[in-house]
Amino acid sequence: MRPSEESRALACFFEAAKIYGIDLANSVMIGDGIADMEAAQSLIMDGILVRTGKGSESESHFIKSEFPIAVVDNLEKAVNWILSKDSK
């Protein structure tokens, strides 16, 4: 993604957050690609990588990284991971 495209994409997140009252710092991005996790980092959000879609290929990119906060098999497991942390 070119810098101008990335800026527009991030601006969409900020606008949606403003319109819908979303606190991005307390939100989690669930995605299957490197770009999804990079967007989460740029937005100061936690990220969960799912292995579906491109996730299996993207996982090796994050092996020595503390980000994303979790790598799970699918969307259901991502939601369960979030709910388990939310209840503590």
PDB file of N, CA and C in Angstrom:
ATOM      1  N   MET A   1       0.851  -1.169   0.000  1.00  0.00           N
ATOM      2  CA  MET A   1       0.000   0.000   0.000  1.00  0.00           C
ATOM      3  C   MET A   1       0.903   1.240   0.000  1.00  0.00           C
ATOM      4  N   ARG A   2       0.624   2.174  -0.863  1.00  0.00           N
ATOM      5  CA  ARG A   2       1.386   3.420  -0.915  1.00  0.00           C
ATOM      6  C   ARG A   2       1.019   4.298   0.277  1.00  0.00           C
ATOM      7  N   PRO A   3       1.952   5.197   0.672  1.00  0.00           N
ATOM      8  CA  PRO A   3       1.680   6.052   1.841  1.00  0.00           C
ATOM      9  C   PRO A   3       0.355   6.808   1.770  1.00  0.00           C
ATOM     10  N   SER A   4       0.002   7.352   0.609  1.00  0.00           N
ATOM     11  CA  SER A   4      -1.259   8.099   0.519  1.00  0.00           C
ATOM     12  C   SER A   4      -2.462   7.178   0.707  1.00  0.00           C
ATOM     13  N   GLU A   5      -2.371   5.953   0.185  1.00  0.00           N
ATOM     14  CA  GLU A   5      -3.460   4.983   0.371  1.00  0.00           C
ATOM     15  C   GLU A   5      -3.564   4.586   1.839  1.00  0.00           C
ATOM     16  N   GLU A   6      -2.421   4.392   2.481  1.00  0.00           N
ATOM     17  CA  GLU A   6      -2.414   4.015   3.890  1.00  0.00           C
ATOM     18  C   GLU A   6      -3.021   5.134   4.736  1.00  0.00           C
ATOM     19  N   SER A   7      -2.669   6.364   4.426  1.00  0.00           N
ATOM     20  CA  SER A   7      -3.220   7.504   5.171  1.00  0.00           C
ATOM     21  C   SER A   7      -4.733   7.570   5.030  1.00  0.00           C
ATOM     22  N   ARG A   8      -5.240   7.345   3.823  1.00  0.00           N
ATOM     23  CA  ARG A   8      -6.691   7.362   3.611  1.00  0.00           C
ATOM     24  C   ARG A   8      -7.357   6.215   4.364  1.00  0.00           C
ATOM     25  N   ALA A   9      -6.732   5.045   4.350  1.00  0.00           N
ATOM     26  CA  ALA A   9      -7.307   3.895   5.045  1.00  0.00           C
ATOM     27  C   ALA A   9      -7.377   4.160   6.546  1.00  0.00           C
ATOM     28  N   LEU A  10      -6.296   4.709   7.109  1.00  0.00           N
ATOM     29  CA  LEU A  10      -6.291   5.013   8.536  1.00  0.00           C
ATOM     30  C   LEU A  10      -7.302   6.105   8.865  1.00  0.00           C
ATOM     31  N   ALA A  11      -7.441   7.077   7.964  1.00  0.00           N
ATOM     32  CA  ALA A  11      -8.422   8.147   8.175  1.00  0.00           C
ATOM     33  C   ALA A  11      -9.835   7.570   8.262  1.00  0.00           C
ATOM     34  N   CYS A  12     -10.111   6.517   7.492  1.00  0.00           N
ATOM     35  CA  CYS A  12     -11.432   5.869   7.553  1.00  0.00           C
ATOM     36  C   CYS A  12     -11.683   5.278   8.939  1.00  0.00           C
ATOM     37  N   PHE A  13     -10.658   4.676   9.524  1.00  0.00           N
ATOM     38  CA  PHE A  13     -10.800   4.128  10.873  1.00  0.00           C
ATOM     39  C   PHE A  13     -11.081   5.246  11.876  1.00  0.00           C
ATOM     40  N   PHE A  14     -10.322   6.330  11.776  1.00  0.00           N
ATOM     41  CA  PHE A  14     -10.513   7.441  12.709  1.00  0.00           C
ATOM     42  C   PHE A  14     -11.903   8.057  12.563  1.00  0.00           C
ATOM     43  N   GLU A  15     -12.372   8.183  11.338  1.00  0.00           N
ATOM     44  CA  GLU A  15     -13.701   8.747  11.114  1.00  0.00           C
ATOM     45  C   GLU A  15     -14.781   7.824  11.675  1.00  0.00           C
ATOM     46  N   ALA A  16     -14.657   6.519  11.422  1.00  0.00           N
ATOM     47  CA  ALA A  16     -15.634   5.562  11.963  1.00  0.00           C
ATOM     48  C   ALA A  16     -15.619   5.583  13.488  1.00  0.00           C
ATOM     49  N   ALA A  17     -14.425   5.688  14.070  1.00  0.00           N
ATOM     50  CA  ALA A  17     -14.314   5.735  15.529  1.00  0.00           C
ATOM     51  C   ALA A  17     -15.030   6.959  16.076  1.00  0.00           C
ATOM     52  N   LYS A  18     -14.878   8.078  15.380  1.00  0.00           N
ATOM     53  CA  LYS A  18     -15.534   9.305  15.821  1.00  0.00           C
ATOM     54  C   LYS A  18     -17.053   9.192  15.695  1.00  0.00           C
ATOM     55  N   ILE A  19     -17.523   8.712  14.556  1.00  0.00           N
ATOM     56  CA  ILE A  19     -18.959   8.609  14.304  1.00  0.00           C
ATOM     57  C   ILE A  19     -19.633   7.646  15.274  1.00  0.00           C
ATOM     58  N   TYR A  20     -18.995   6.498  15.512  1.00  0.00           N
ATOM     59  CA  TYR A  20     -19.621   5.445  16.322  1.00  0.00           C
ATOM     60  C   TYR A  20     -19.130   5.397  17.766  1.00  0.00           C
ATOM     61  N   GLY A  21     -18.285   6.325  18.140  1.00  0.00           N
ATOM     62  CA  GLY A  21     -17.816   6.377  19.522  1.00  0.00           C
ATOM     63  C   GLY A  21     -16.942   5.200  19.911  1.00  0.00           C
ATOM     64  N   ILE A  22     -16.087   4.772  19.008  1.00  0.00           N
ATOM     65  CA  ILE A  22     -15.219   3.621  19.263  1.00  0.00           C
ATOM     66  C   ILE A  22     -13.892   4.102  19.844  1.00  0.00           C
ATOM     67  N   ASP A  23     -13.487   3.510  20.937  1.00  0.00           N
ATOM     68  CA  ASP A  23     -12.194   3.806  21.543  1.00  0.00           C
ATOM     69  C   ASP A  23     -11.168   2.854  20.934  1.00  0.00           C
ATOM     70  N   LEU A  24     -10.434   3.323  19.943  1.00  0.00           N
ATOM     71  CA  LEU A  24      -9.498   2.449  19.222  1.00  0.00           C
ATOM     72  C   LEU A  24      -8.432   1.870  20.144  1.00  0.00           C
ATOM     73  N   ALA A  25      -7.990   2.638  21.129  1.00  0.00           N
ATOM     74  CA  ALA A  25      -6.946   2.151  22.039  1.00  0.00           C
ATOM     75  C   ALA A  25      -7.415   0.962  22.875  1.00  0.00           C
ATOM     76  N   ASN A  26      -8.719   0.811  23.013  1.00  0.00           N
ATOM     77  CA  ASN A  26      -9.278  -0.318  23.760  1.00  0.00           C
ATOM     78  C   ASN A  26     -10.018  -1.278  22.840  1.00  0.00           C
ATOM     79  N   SER A  27      -9.616  -1.285  21.580  1.00  0.00           N
ATOM     80  CA  SER A  27     -10.233  -2.160  20.589  1.00  0.00           C
ATOM     81  C   SER A  27      -9.196  -3.155  20.073  1.00  0.00           C
ATOM     82  N   VAL A  28      -9.678  -4.193  19.427  1.00  0.00           N
ATOM     83  CA  VAL A  28      -8.790  -5.227  18.887  1.00  0.00           C
ATOM     84  C   VAL A  28      -9.073  -5.398  17.402  1.00  0.00           C
ATOM     85  N   MET A  29      -8.017  -5.395  16.611  1.00  0.00           N
ATOM     86  CA  MET A  29      -8.118  -5.664  15.175  1.00  0.00           C
ATOM     87  C   MET A  29      -7.890  -7.163  14.984  1.00  0.00           C
ATOM     88  N   ILE A  30      -8.827  -7.806  14.328  1.00  0.00           N
ATOM     89  CA  ILE A  30      -8.665  -9.214  13.973  1.00  0.00           C
ATOM     90  C   ILE A  30      -8.446  -9.253  12.471  1.00  0.00           C
ATOM     91  N   GLY A  31      -7.355  -9.863  12.049  1.00  0.00           N
ATOM     92  CA  GLY A  31      -7.060  -9.911  10.624  1.00  0.00           C
ATOM     93  C   GLY A  31      -6.222 -11.112  10.257  1.00  0.00           C
ATOM     94  N   ASP A  32      -6.079 -11.306   8.940  1.00  0.00           N
ATOM     95  CA  ASP A  32      -5.330 -12.469   8.471  1.00  0.00           C
ATOM     96  C   ASP A  32      -4.066 -12.095   7.703  1.00  0.00           C
ATOM     97  N   GLY A  33      -3.700 -10.840   7.737  1.00  0.00           N
ATOM     98  CA  GLY A  33      -2.545 -10.441   6.943  1.00  0.00           C
ATOM     99  C   GLY A  33      -1.634  -9.465   7.654  1.00  0.00           C
ATOM    100  N   ILE A  34      -0.453  -9.309   7.091  1.00  0.00           N
ATOM    101  CA  ILE A  34       0.532  -8.383   7.629  1.00  0.00           C
ATOM    102  C   ILE A  34      -0.032  -6.962   7.624  1.00  0.00           C
ATOM    103  N   ALA A  35      -0.684  -6.574   6.539  1.00  0.00           N
ATOM    104  CA  ALA A  35      -1.245  -5.218   6.446  1.00  0.00           C
ATOM    105  C   ALA A  35      -2.276  -4.961   7.543  1.00  0.00           C
ATOM    106  N   ASP A  36      -3.060  -5.978   7.887  1.00  0.00           N
ATOM    107  CA  ASP A  36      -4.049  -5.825   8.963  1.00  0.00           C
ATOM    108  C   ASP A  36      -3.355  -5.524  10.290  1.00  0.00           C
ATOM    109  N   MET A  37      -2.285  -6.261  10.566  1.00  0.00           N
ATOM    110  CA  MET A  37      -1.576  -6.080  11.825  1.00  0.00           C
ATOM    111  C   MET A  37      -0.807  -4.760  11.838  1.00  0.00           C
ATOM    112  N   GLU A  38      -0.279  -4.348  10.700  1.00  0.00           N
ATOM    113  CA  GLU A  38       0.395  -3.048  10.611  1.00  0.00           C
ATOM    114  C   GLU A  38      -0.598  -1.912  10.829  1.00  0.00           C
ATOM    115  N   ALA A  39      -1.809  -2.071  10.291  1.00  0.00           N
ATOM    116  CA  ALA A  39      -2.849  -1.057  10.507  1.00  0.00           C
ATOM    117  C   ALA A  39      -3.187  -0.973  11.994  1.00  0.00           C
ATOM    118  N   ALA A  40      -3.317  -2.111  12.639  1.00  0.00           N
ATOM    119  CA  ALA A  40      -3.621  -2.130  14.076  1.00  0.00           C
ATOM    120  C   ALA A  40      -2.540  -1.392  14.855  1.00  0.00           C
ATOM    121  N   GLN A  41      -1.289  -1.669  14.528  1.00  0.00           N
ATOM    122  CA  GLN A  41      -0.190  -0.982  15.219  1.00  0.00           C
ATOM    123  C   GLN A  41      -0.239   0.519  14.969  1.00  0.00           C
ATOM    124  N   SER A  42      -0.509   0.923  13.742  1.00  0.00           N
ATOM    125  CA  SER A  42      -0.584   2.348  13.413  1.00  0.00           C
ATOM    126  C   SER A  42      -1.715   3.036  14.162  1.00  0.00           C
ATOM    127  N   LEU A  43      -2.777   2.301  14.440  1.00  0.00           N
ATOM    128  CA  LEU A  43      -3.939   2.843  15.137  1.00  0.00           C
ATOM    129  C   LEU A  43      -3.838   2.666  16.650  1.00  0.00           C
ATOM    130  N   ILE A  44      -2.714   2.141  17.120  1.00  0.00           N
ATOM    131  CA  ILE A  44      -2.476   1.875  18.541  1.00  0.00           C
ATOM    132  C   ILE A  44      -3.525   0.903  19.093  1.00  0.00           C
ATOM    133  N   MET A  45      -3.835  -0.106  18.293  1.00  0.00           N
ATOM    134  CA  MET A  45      -4.790  -1.144  18.685  1.00  0.00           C
ATOM    135  C   MET A  45      -4.032  -2.450  18.907  1.00  0.00           C
ATOM    136  N   ASP A  46      -4.594  -3.326  19.710  1.00  0.00           N
ATOM    137  CA  ASP A  46      -4.079  -4.683  19.783  1.00  0.00           C
ATOM    138  C   ASP A  46      -4.490  -5.413  18.515  1.00  0.00           C
ATOM    139  N   GLY A  47      -3.734  -6.420  18.140  1.00  0.00           N
ATOM    140  CA  GLY A  47      -4.057  -7.191  16.948  1.00  0.00           C
ATOM    141  C   GLY A  47      -4.045  -8.680  17.224  1.00  0.00           C
ATOM    142  N   ILE A  48      -4.978  -9.382  16.609  1.00  0.00           N
ATOM    143  CA  ILE A  48      -5.017 -10.841  16.667  1.00  0.00           C
ATOM    144  C   ILE A  48      -4.968 -11.344  15.231  1.00  0.00           C
ATOM    145  N   LEU A  49      -3.982 -12.165  14.943  1.00  0.00           N
ATOM    146  CA  LEU A  49      -3.830 -12.749  13.614  1.00  0.00           C
ATOM    147  C   LEU A  49      -4.558 -14.083  13.577  1.00  0.00           C
ATOM    148  N   VAL A  50      -5.440 -14.244  12.606  1.00  0.00           N
ATOM    149  CA  VAL A  50      -6.101 -15.536  12.412  1.00  0.00           C
ATOM    150  C   VAL A  50      -5.411 -16.276  11.272  1.00  0.00           C
ATOM    151  N   ARG A  51      -5.305 -17.574  11.408  1.00  0.00           N
ATOM    152  CA  ARG A  51      -4.590 -18.382  10.423  1.00  0.00           C
ATOM    153  C   ARG A  51      -5.409 -18.667   9.169  1.00  0.00           C
ATOM    154  N   THR A  52      -6.672 -18.286   9.152  1.00  0.00           N
ATOM    155  CA  THR A  52      -7.479 -18.481   7.948  1.00  0.00           C
ATOM    156  C   THR A  52      -7.043 -17.462   6.901  1.00  0.00           C
ATOM    157  N   GLY A  53      -7.455 -17.629   5.678  1.00  0.00           N
ATOM    158  CA  GLY A  53      -7.057 -16.691   4.622  1.00  0.00           C
ATOM    159  C   GLY A  53      -5.551 -16.678   4.455  1.00  0.00           C
ATOM    160  N   LYS A  54      -4.952 -15.494   4.540  1.00  0.00           N
ATOM    161  CA  LYS A  54      -3.509 -15.326   4.377  1.00  0.00           C
ATOM    162  C   LYS A  54      -2.752 -15.510   5.683  1.00  0.00           C
ATOM    163  N   GLY A  55      -3.459 -15.750   6.767  1.00  0.00           N
ATOM    164  CA  GLY A  55      -2.852 -15.779   8.092  1.00  0.00           C
ATOM    165  C   GLY A  55      -1.726 -16.768   8.264  1.00  0.00           C
ATOM    166  N   SER A  56      -1.865 -17.956   7.700  1.00  0.00           N
ATOM    167  CA  SER A  56      -0.806 -18.964   7.839  1.00  0.00           C
ATOM    168  C   SER A  56       0.491 -18.478   7.210  1.00  0.00           C
ATOM    169  N   GLU A  57       0.379 -17.820   6.054  1.00  0.00           N
ATOM    170  CA  GLU A  57       1.560 -17.287   5.380  1.00  0.00           C
ATOM    171  C   GLU A  57       2.123 -16.093   6.154  1.00  0.00           C
ATOM    172  N   SER A  58       1.268 -15.300   6.741  1.00  0.00           N
ATOM    173  CA  SER A  58       1.681 -14.084   7.446  1.00  0.00           C
ATOM    174  C   SER A  58       2.307 -14.380   8.799  1.00  0.00           C
ATOM    175  N   GLU A  59       1.974 -15.514   9.383  1.00  0.00           N
ATOM    176  CA  GLU A  59       2.409 -15.839  10.745  1.00  0.00           C
ATOM    177  C   GLU A  59       3.927 -15.795  10.894  1.00  0.00           C
ATOM    178  N   SER A  60       4.654 -16.288   9.903  1.00  0.00           N
ATOM    179  CA  SER A  60       6.112 -16.336  10.015  1.00  0.00           C
ATOM    180  C   SER A  60       6.720 -14.935  10.099  1.00  0.00           C
ATOM    181  N   HIS A  61       6.025 -13.939   9.599  1.00  0.00           N
ATOM    182  CA  HIS A  61       6.500 -12.555   9.654  1.00  0.00           C
ATOM    183  C   HIS A  61       6.589 -12.060  11.101  1.00  0.00           C
ATOM    184  N   PHE A  62       5.799 -12.639  11.998  1.00  0.00           N
ATOM    185  CA  PHE A  62       5.700 -12.153  13.372  1.00  0.00           C
ATOM    186  C   PHE A  62       6.364 -13.068  14.406  1.00  0.00           C
ATOM    187  N   ILE A  63       7.125 -14.058  13.969  1.00  0.00           N
ATOM    188  CA  ILE A  63       7.676 -15.051  14.895  1.00  0.00           C
ATOM    189  C   ILE A  63       8.452 -14.430  16.047  1.00  0.00           C
ATOM    190  N   LYS A  64       9.297 -13.461  15.797  1.00  0.00           N
ATOM    191  CA  LYS A  64      10.128 -12.877  16.857  1.00  0.00           C
ATOM    192  C   LYS A  64       9.547 -11.567  17.387  1.00  0.00           C
ATOM    193  N   SER A  65       8.295 -11.349  17.158  1.00  0.00           N
ATOM    194  CA  SER A  65       7.658 -10.092  17.523  1.00  0.00           C
ATOM    195  C   SER A  65       6.700 -10.283  18.695  1.00  0.00           C
ATOM    196  N   GLU A  66       6.506  -9.217  19.450  1.00  0.00           N
ATOM    197  CA  GLU A  66       5.508  -9.245  20.517  1.00  0.00           C
ATOM    198  C   GLU A  66       4.130  -8.871  19.984  1.00  0.00           C
ATOM    199  N   PHE A  67       4.061  -8.625  18.717  1.00  0.00           N
ATOM    200  CA  PHE A  67       2.808  -8.261  18.062  1.00  0.00           C
ATOM    201  C   PHE A  67       2.580  -9.239  16.939  1.00  0.00           C
ATOM    202  N   PRO A  68       1.447  -9.738  16.700  1.00  0.00           N
ATOM    203  CA  PRO A  68       0.180  -9.476  17.375  1.00  0.00           C
ATOM    204  C   PRO A  68       0.137 -10.095  18.773  1.00  0.00           C
ATOM    205  N   ILE A  69      -0.889  -9.730  19.534  1.00  0.00           N
ATOM    206  CA  ILE A  69      -0.998 -10.230  20.906  1.00  0.00           C
ATOM    207  C   ILE A  69      -1.389 -11.690  20.954  1.00  0.00           C
ATOM    208  N   ALA A  70      -1.945 -12.204  19.855  1.00  0.00           N
ATOM    209  CA  ALA A  70      -2.318 -13.616  19.785  1.00  0.00           C
ATOM    210  C   ALA A  70      -2.374 -14.052  18.326  1.00  0.00           C
ATOM    211  N   VAL A  71      -2.129 -15.333  18.107  1.00  0.00           N
ATOM    212  CA  VAL A  71      -2.306 -15.960  16.796  1.00  0.00           C
ATOM    213  C   VAL A  71      -3.211 -17.153  17.038  1.00  0.00           C
ATOM    214  N   VAL A  72      -4.342 -17.171  16.348  1.00  0.00           N
ATOM    215  CA  VAL A  72      -5.346 -18.218  16.570  1.00  0.00           C
ATOM    216  C   VAL A  72      -5.762 -18.828  15.235  1.00  0.00           C
ATOM    217  N   ASP A  73      -6.463 -19.955  15.308  1.00  0.00           N
ATOM    218  CA  ASP A  73      -6.828 -20.687  14.094  1.00  0.00           C
ATOM    219  C   ASP A  73      -7.936 -20.039  13.275  1.00  0.00           C
ATOM    220  N   ASN A  74      -8.892 -19.371  13.936  1.00  0.00           N
ATOM    221  CA  ASN A  74     -10.035 -18.837  13.189  1.00  0.00           C
ATOM    222  C   ASN A  74     -10.710 -17.711  13.978  1.00  0.00           C
ATOM    223  N   LEU A  75     -11.718 -17.125  13.376  1.00  0.00           N
ATOM    224  CA  LEU A  75     -12.417 -15.994  13.988  1.00  0.00           C
ATOM    225  C   LEU A  75     -13.074 -16.366  15.310  1.00  0.00           C
ATOM    226  N   GLU A  76     -13.684 -17.533  15.363  1.00  0.00           N
ATOM    227  CA  GLU A  76     -14.328 -17.968  16.610  1.00  0.00           C
ATOM    228  C   GLU A  76     -13.316 -18.007  17.755  1.00  0.00           C
ATOM    229  N   LYS A  77     -12.126 -18.533  17.486  1.00  0.00           N
ATOM    230  CA  LYS A  77     -11.104 -18.611  18.539  1.00  0.00           C
ATOM    231  C   LYS A  77     -10.595 -17.216  18.905  1.00  0.00           C
ATOM    232  N   ALA A  78     -10.570 -16.301  17.941  1.00  0.00           N
ATOM    233  CA  ALA A  78     -10.173 -14.925  18.252  1.00  0.00           C
ATOM    234  C   ALA A  78     -11.179 -14.287  19.204  1.00  0.00           C
ATOM    235  N   VAL A  79     -12.456 -14.467  18.920  1.00  0.00           N
ATOM    236  CA  VAL A  79     -13.501 -13.917  19.787  1.00  0.00           C
ATOM    237  C   VAL A  79     -13.416 -14.539  21.170  1.00  0.00           C
ATOM    238  N   ASN A  80     -13.244 -15.850  21.235  1.00  0.00           N
ATOM    239  CA  ASN A  80     -13.120 -16.527  22.534  1.00  0.00           C
ATOM    240  C   ASN A  80     -11.907 -16.030  23.306  1.00  0.00           C
ATOM    241  N   TRP A  81     -10.803 -15.761  22.612  1.00  0.00           N
ATOM    242  CA  TRP A  81      -9.594 -15.247  23.250  1.00  0.00           C
ATOM    243  C   TRP A  81      -9.894 -13.881  23.866  1.00  0.00           C
ATOM    244  N   ILE A  82     -10.564 -13.016  23.107  1.00  0.00           N
ATOM    245  CA  ILE A  82     -10.899 -11.683  23.600  1.00  0.00           C
ATOM    246  C   ILE A  82     -11.822 -11.788  24.813  1.00  0.00           C
ATOM    247  N   LEU A  83     -12.837 -12.607  24.708  1.00  0.00           N
ATOM    248  CA  LEU A  83     -13.792 -12.745  25.820  1.00  0.00           C
ATOM    249  C   LEU A  83     -13.131 -13.312  27.065  1.00  0.00           C
ATOM    250  N   SER A  84     -12.178 -14.220  26.902  1.00  0.00           N
ATOM    251  CA  SER A  84     -11.503 -14.788  28.069  1.00  0.00           C
ATOM    252  C   SER A  84     -10.646 -13.739  28.763  1.00  0.00           C
ATOM    253  N   LYS A  85     -10.058 -12.824  28.017  1.00  0.00           N
ATOM    254  CA  LYS A  85      -9.252 -11.748  28.605  1.00  0.00           C
ATOM    255  C   LYS A  85     -10.147 -10.683  29.213  1.00  0.00           C
ATOM    256  N   ASP A  86     -11.296 -10.465  28.613  1.00  0.00           N
ATOM    257  CA  ASP A  86     -12.231  -9.445  29.056  1.00  0.00           C
ATOM    258  C   ASP A  86     -12.876  -9.810  30.392  1.00  0.00           C
ATOM    259  N   SER A  87     -12.976 -11.101  30.665  1.00  0.00           N
ATOM    260  CA  SER A  87     -13.654 -11.534  31.899  1.00  0.00           C
ATOM    261  C   SER A  87     -12.706 -11.546  33.091  1.00  0.00           C
ATOM    262  N   LYS A  88     -11.432 -11.249  32.876  1.00  0.00           N
ATOM    263  CA  LYS A  88     -10.455 -11.268  33.995  1.00  0.00           C
ATOM    264  C   LYS A  88     -10.272  -9.906  34.586  1.00  0.00           C
TER     265      LYS A  88
END
